Amino acid sequence: MRRVLVPVDDSEGSAKAASFAADLARDTGAEIILMHVYDRPTASAAGLSSVAAAQLDDTRTRVAQASFDRAKAAMGAVEPVAHLVEIGSLPEPIVATAAKLGATQIVMGSRGLSPFKELLLGGGSGRVVRSADRALTVLTGRRAAG
C-alpha cells in the first residue's frame, strides 16, 4: 500500500501539496498522512514546552488545526488516515516519521510561512530534499518537481 506523508503549515504551498497528494490518492489508492511540525522556538513561544505531558498531544493538535483544516479543504473528498504533530528541527521530524510509518513518498510545498527564513536557512523543503531517502515531490508554484 502506498503511503504519502504530507507536511503542512497553513501556507498556500502546503495546500497545493495536499491537493496534489489527494490526486495521487485518488489515482493510486494511497493513504494520506498529514503532519505539522513546530520548530522548537515556535513551540516554546506557543507555550507547548510547558504543557503537561498528558495534555501535550491534544494541545499540539489544537494549535495545528488551522494547518490541517486548510490541507483537508484542498484535498476535497479524500480523507487523511492520520494527523500527526511533532516538535523538532527540519528535516529530522519529517524524514524520521516517513521512515517510521513506511511512507513511500513525501509531498510538500516549496515555500512555507516565512520566505525570509527560508532564504536564510535554505528552506524546509530543501533540507528535506537533501535528507530524504524515499520518493519526494516538492511543489514549486504550479509544477511538481522531484
Protein backbone atom coordinates (compact mmCIF):
# COMPACT_ATOMS: atom_id res chain seq x y z
CA MET A 1 0.00 0.00 0.00
CA ARG A 2 1.32 3.42 -0.91
CA ARG A 3 1.51 5.81 2.00
CA VAL A 4 2.11 9.52 1.38
CA LEU A 5 3.32 11.86 4.12
CA VAL A 6 2.23 15.48 3.59
CA PRO A 7 3.87 18.07 5.88
CA VAL A 8 1.55 21.10 6.19
CA ASP A 9 1.98 24.58 7.68
CA ASP A 10 -1.17 26.55 6.72
CA SER A 11 0.61 28.07 3.71
CA GLU A 12 -0.57 28.17 0.10
CA GLY A 13 2.30 25.85 -0.83
CA SER A 14 1.24 23.17 1.62
CA ALA A 15 -2.39 23.45 0.46
CA LYS A 16 -1.19 22.82 -3.11
CA ALA A 17 0.84 19.87 -1.89
CA ALA A 18 -2.22 18.44 -0.10
CA SER A 19 -4.26 18.82 -3.29
CA PHE A 20 -1.55 17.06 -5.31
CA ALA A 21 -1.36 14.26 -2.72
CA ALA A 22 -5.16 13.87 -2.89
CA ASP A 23 -4.89 13.43 -6.66
CA LEU A 24 -2.26 10.73 -6.06
CA ALA A 25 -4.54 9.02 -3.57
CA ARG A 26 -7.45 9.03 -6.00
CA ASP A 27 -5.24 7.68 -8.80
CA THR A 28 -3.33 5.05 -6.81
CA GLY A 29 -5.33 4.29 -3.68
CA ALA A 30 -2.56 5.70 -1.47
CA GLU A 31 -3.12 6.60 2.16
CA ILE A 32 -2.51 10.24 3.09
CA ILE A 33 -0.97 11.24 6.41
CA LEU A 34 -0.92 14.94 7.27
CA MET A 35 1.87 16.20 9.51
CA HIS A 36 2.52 19.56 11.15
CA VAL A 37 5.98 20.30 12.54
CA TYR A 38 6.70 23.04 15.07
CA ASP A 39 10.27 24.17 15.30
CA ARG A 40 11.49 24.40 18.89
CA PRO A 41 11.38 28.24 19.14
CA THR A 42 7.81 28.33 17.80
CA ALA A 43 6.78 25.56 20.17
CA SER A 44 8.23 27.50 23.11
CA ALA A 45 6.54 30.73 22.01
CA ALA A 46 3.21 28.89 21.72
CA GLY A 47 3.69 27.54 25.24
CA LEU A 48 3.87 23.93 24.08
CA SER A 49 7.05 23.21 26.01
CA SER A 50 5.30 23.99 29.32
CA VAL A 51 2.19 21.86 28.71
CA ALA A 52 1.83 18.75 30.88
CA ALA A 53 2.64 15.52 29.05
CA ALA A 54 -0.94 14.23 29.34
CA GLN A 55 -2.27 17.33 27.57
CA LEU A 56 0.52 17.77 25.05
CA ASP A 57 -0.93 15.76 22.15
CA ASP A 58 -4.32 17.44 22.40
CA THR A 59 -2.81 20.92 22.73
CA ARG A 60 -0.39 20.46 19.82
CA THR A 61 -3.19 19.19 17.60
CA ARG A 62 -5.50 22.09 18.53
CA VAL A 63 -2.77 24.62 17.75
CA ALA A 64 -2.01 22.89 14.40
CA GLN A 65 -5.70 22.59 13.46
CA ALA A 66 -5.65 25.53 11.01
CA SER A 67 -2.93 23.78 9.02
CA PHE A 68 -4.92 20.55 8.94
CA ASP A 69 -8.18 22.34 8.04
CA ARG A 70 -6.61 24.16 5.10
CA ALA A 71 -4.99 20.97 3.82
CA LYS A 72 -8.22 18.98 4.14
CA ALA A 73 -10.15 21.69 2.28
CA ALA A 74 -7.62 21.42 -0.56
CA MET A 75 -7.96 17.62 -0.59
CA GLY A 76 -11.68 17.60 -1.30
CA ALA A 77 -13.31 14.24 -0.62
CA VAL A 78 -10.01 12.45 0.12
CA GLU A 79 -9.66 11.88 3.86
CA PRO A 80 -6.27 11.59 5.54
CA VAL A 81 -5.80 8.46 7.65
CA ALA A 82 -3.88 10.37 10.35
CA HIS A 83 -2.93 13.81 11.62
CA LEU A 84 0.48 14.00 13.28
CA VAL A 85 2.10 16.84 15.18
CA GLU A 86 5.81 16.91 16.02
CA ILE A 87 8.25 19.36 17.57
CA GLY A 88 11.76 19.49 16.16
CA SER A 89 14.15 20.99 13.67
CA LEU A 90 13.68 20.26 9.98
CA PRO A 91 14.31 17.92 8.30
CA GLU A 92 14.56 15.36 11.12
CA PRO A 93 10.89 15.05 12.18
CA ILE A 94 9.67 14.66 8.59
CA VAL A 95 12.36 12.21 7.48
CA ALA A 96 12.11 10.16 10.69
CA THR A 97 8.31 10.00 10.56
CA ALA A 98 8.35 8.95 6.90
CA ALA A 99 10.74 6.11 7.76
CA LYS A 100 8.82 5.07 10.89
CA LEU A 101 5.49 4.93 9.04
CA GLY A 102 6.89 3.31 5.92
CA ALA A 103 5.82 6.25 3.77
CA THR A 104 6.55 5.59 0.12
CA GLN A 105 6.53 9.29 -0.71
CA ILE A 106 6.71 12.75 0.88
CA VAL A 107 4.74 15.53 -0.83
CA MET A 108 5.34 19.08 0.35
CA GLY A 109 5.25 22.68 -0.81
CA SER A 110 8.42 24.57 -1.60
CA ARG A 111 7.55 27.69 0.39
CA GLY A 112 6.26 27.89 3.93
CA LEU A 113 5.11 30.79 6.01
CA SER A 114 8.38 32.74 6.27
CA PRO A 115 10.17 33.44 2.95
CA PHE A 116 12.97 35.37 4.72
CA LYS A 117 13.73 32.44 7.00
CA GLU A 118 13.71 30.07 4.03
CA LEU A 119 16.14 32.34 2.17
CA LEU A 120 18.40 32.50 5.20
CA LEU A 121 18.31 28.81 6.13
CA GLY A 122 17.77 27.19 2.74
CA GLY A 123 14.10 26.37 3.26
CA GLY A 124 12.47 23.41 4.94
CA SER A 125 11.73 21.60 1.71
CA GLY A 126 15.35 21.97 0.59
CA ARG A 127 16.57 20.42 3.83
CA VAL A 128 14.12 17.54 3.43
CA VAL A 129 15.25 17.05 -0.19
CA ARG A 130 18.85 16.68 0.97
CA SER A 131 17.93 14.22 3.74
CA ALA A 132 15.04 12.08 2.47
CA ASP A 133 15.76 8.52 1.42
CA ARG A 134 12.45 7.98 -0.37
CA ALA A 135 10.42 9.46 -3.20
CA LEU A 136 9.91 13.16 -2.65
CA THR A 137 7.65 15.54 -4.55
CA VAL A 138 8.13 19.23 -3.90
CA LEU A 139 5.59 21.58 -5.44
CA THR A 140 7.15 24.74 -6.78
CA GLY A 141 4.46 27.16 -7.85
CA ARG A 142 2.20 25.24 -10.25
CA ARG A 143 4.56 22.38 -11.06
CA ALA A 144 5.70 19.37 -9.10
CA ALA A 145 9.40 18.59 -9.01
CA GLY A 146 11.14 15.50 -7.78
